[in-house]
Amino acid sequence: MGLKWIDSLAITLALIEQHPQQDPCTLHFVELREWILALSDFDDDIDHCSERILEAVQQCWIDEI
């Protein structure tokens, strides 16, 4: 079962593993979306992404670090 847009925390943890030195506060949403789509476990409709979803992932990332 792959990652879906609603899996903010799981997406965040995968991104932290792949980009451990990245400061999520300096990451643009366009790049964040590309990184999420590039995750090997990501399996959702790319058109279901919204700014709200990207904000949730970014906030999870901030909270985790």
C-alpha atoms as a PDB file:
ATOM      1  CA  MET A   1       0.000   0.000   0.000  1.00  0.00           C
ATOM      2  CA  GLY A   2       1.570   3.252  -1.135  1.00  0.00           C
ATOM      3  CA  LEU A   3       1.643   6.724   0.303  1.00  0.00           C
ATOM      4  CA  LYS A   4      -1.348   8.982  -0.351  1.00  0.00           C
ATOM      5  CA  TRP A   5      -1.632  12.758  -0.149  1.00  0.00           C
ATOM      6  CA  ILE A   6      -3.412  12.412   3.204  1.00  0.00           C
ATOM      7  CA  ASP A   7      -0.403  10.603   4.734  1.00  0.00           C
ATOM      8  CA  SER A   8       1.347  13.812   5.792  1.00  0.00           C
ATOM      9  CA  LEU A   9       3.440  12.300   8.561  1.00  0.00           C
ATOM     10  CA  ALA A  10       4.533   9.243   6.567  1.00  0.00           C
ATOM     11  CA  ILE A  11       5.432  11.476   3.611  1.00  0.00           C
ATOM     12  CA  THR A  12       7.349  13.757   5.946  1.00  0.00           C
ATOM     13  CA  LEU A  13       9.349  10.915   7.439  1.00  0.00           C
ATOM     14  CA  ALA A  14      10.254   9.632   3.975  1.00  0.00           C
ATOM     15  CA  LEU A  15      11.343  13.120   2.909  1.00  0.00           C
ATOM     16  CA  ILE A  16      13.439  13.607   6.045  1.00  0.00           C
ATOM     17  CA  GLU A  17      15.178  10.320   5.296  1.00  0.00           C
ATOM     18  CA  GLN A  18      15.950  11.376   1.714  1.00  0.00           C
ATOM     19  CA  HIS A  19      16.755  15.023   2.452  1.00  0.00           C
ATOM     20  CA  PRO A  20      18.085  15.136   6.026  1.00  0.00           C
ATOM     21  CA  GLN A  21      19.834  18.494   5.667  1.00  0.00           C
ATOM     22  CA  GLN A  22      16.868  20.323   4.116  1.00  0.00           C
ATOM     23  CA  ASP A  23      15.236  23.120   6.093  1.00  0.00           C
ATOM     24  CA  PRO A  24      11.507  22.758   5.362  1.00  0.00           C
ATOM     25  CA  CYS A  25      10.984  26.483   5.948  1.00  0.00           C
ATOM     26  CA  THR A  26      13.070  27.319   2.886  1.00  0.00           C
ATOM     27  CA  LEU A  27      11.519  24.731   0.595  1.00  0.00           C
ATOM     28  CA  HIS A  28       9.187  26.019  -2.121  1.00  0.00           C
ATOM     29  CA  PHE A  29       5.920  24.146  -2.606  1.00  0.00           C
ATOM     30  CA  VAL A  30       6.760  23.378  -6.239  1.00  0.00           C
ATOM     31  CA  GLU A  31       9.923  21.588  -5.155  1.00  0.00           C
ATOM     32  CA  LEU A  32       8.169  19.906  -2.214  1.00  0.00           C
ATOM     33  CA  ARG A  33       5.506  18.537  -4.580  1.00  0.00           C
ATOM     34  CA  GLU A  34       8.194  17.211  -6.946  1.00  0.00           C
ATOM     35  CA  TRP A  35      10.006  15.508  -4.072  1.00  0.00           C
ATOM     36  CA  ILE A  36       6.777  13.877  -2.879  1.00  0.00           C
ATOM     37  CA  LEU A  37       5.967  12.622  -6.373  1.00  0.00           C
ATOM     38  CA  ALA A  38       9.508  11.203  -6.623  1.00  0.00           C
ATOM     39  CA  LEU A  39       9.093   9.062  -3.492  1.00  0.00           C
ATOM     40  CA  SER A  40       9.179   5.408  -4.492  1.00  0.00           C
ATOM     41  CA  ASP A  41       6.247   4.581  -2.181  1.00  0.00           C
ATOM     42  CA  PHE A  42       4.048   7.447  -3.362  1.00  0.00           C
ATOM     43  CA  ASP A  43       0.961   6.131  -5.117  1.00  0.00           C
ATOM     44  CA  ASP A  44      -1.815   8.692  -5.500  1.00  0.00           C
ATOM     45  CA  ASP A  45      -3.394  10.856  -8.173  1.00  0.00           C
ATOM     46  CA  ILE A  46      -1.027  13.771  -8.803  1.00  0.00           C
ATOM     47  CA  ASP A  47      -3.992  16.052  -9.492  1.00  0.00           C
ATOM     48  CA  HIS A  48      -5.310  15.694  -5.933  1.00  0.00           C
ATOM     49  CA  CYS A  49      -2.501  17.791  -4.507  1.00  0.00           C
ATOM     50  CA  SER A  50      -3.383  21.192  -3.090  1.00  0.00           C
ATOM     51  CA  GLU A  51      -1.633  23.977  -1.252  1.00  0.00           C
ATOM     52  CA  ARG A  52      -3.333  22.825   1.946  1.00  0.00           C
ATOM     53  CA  ILE A  53      -1.802  19.356   1.599  1.00  0.00           C
ATOM     54  CA  LEU A  54       1.661  20.769   0.974  1.00  0.00           C
ATOM     55  CA  GLU A  55       1.265  23.070   3.983  1.00  0.00           C
ATOM     56  CA  ALA A  56       0.354  20.049   6.123  1.00  0.00           C
ATOM     57  CA  VAL A  57       3.455  18.159   4.988  1.00  0.00           C
ATOM     58  CA  GLN A  58       5.635  21.204   5.583  1.00  0.00           C
ATOM     59  CA  GLN A  59       4.176  21.685   9.073  1.00  0.00           C
ATOM     60  CA  CYS A  60       4.740  18.018   9.937  1.00  0.00           C
ATOM     61  CA  TRP A  61       8.324  18.378   8.776  1.00  0.00           C
ATOM     62  CA  ILE A  62       8.828  21.464  10.951  1.00  0.00           C
ATOM     63  CA  ASP A  63       7.299  19.659  13.914  1.00  0.00           C
ATOM     64  CA  GLU A  64       9.523  16.599  13.408  1.00  0.00           C
ATOM     65  CA  ILE A  65      12.766  18.532  13.380  1.00  0.00           C
END
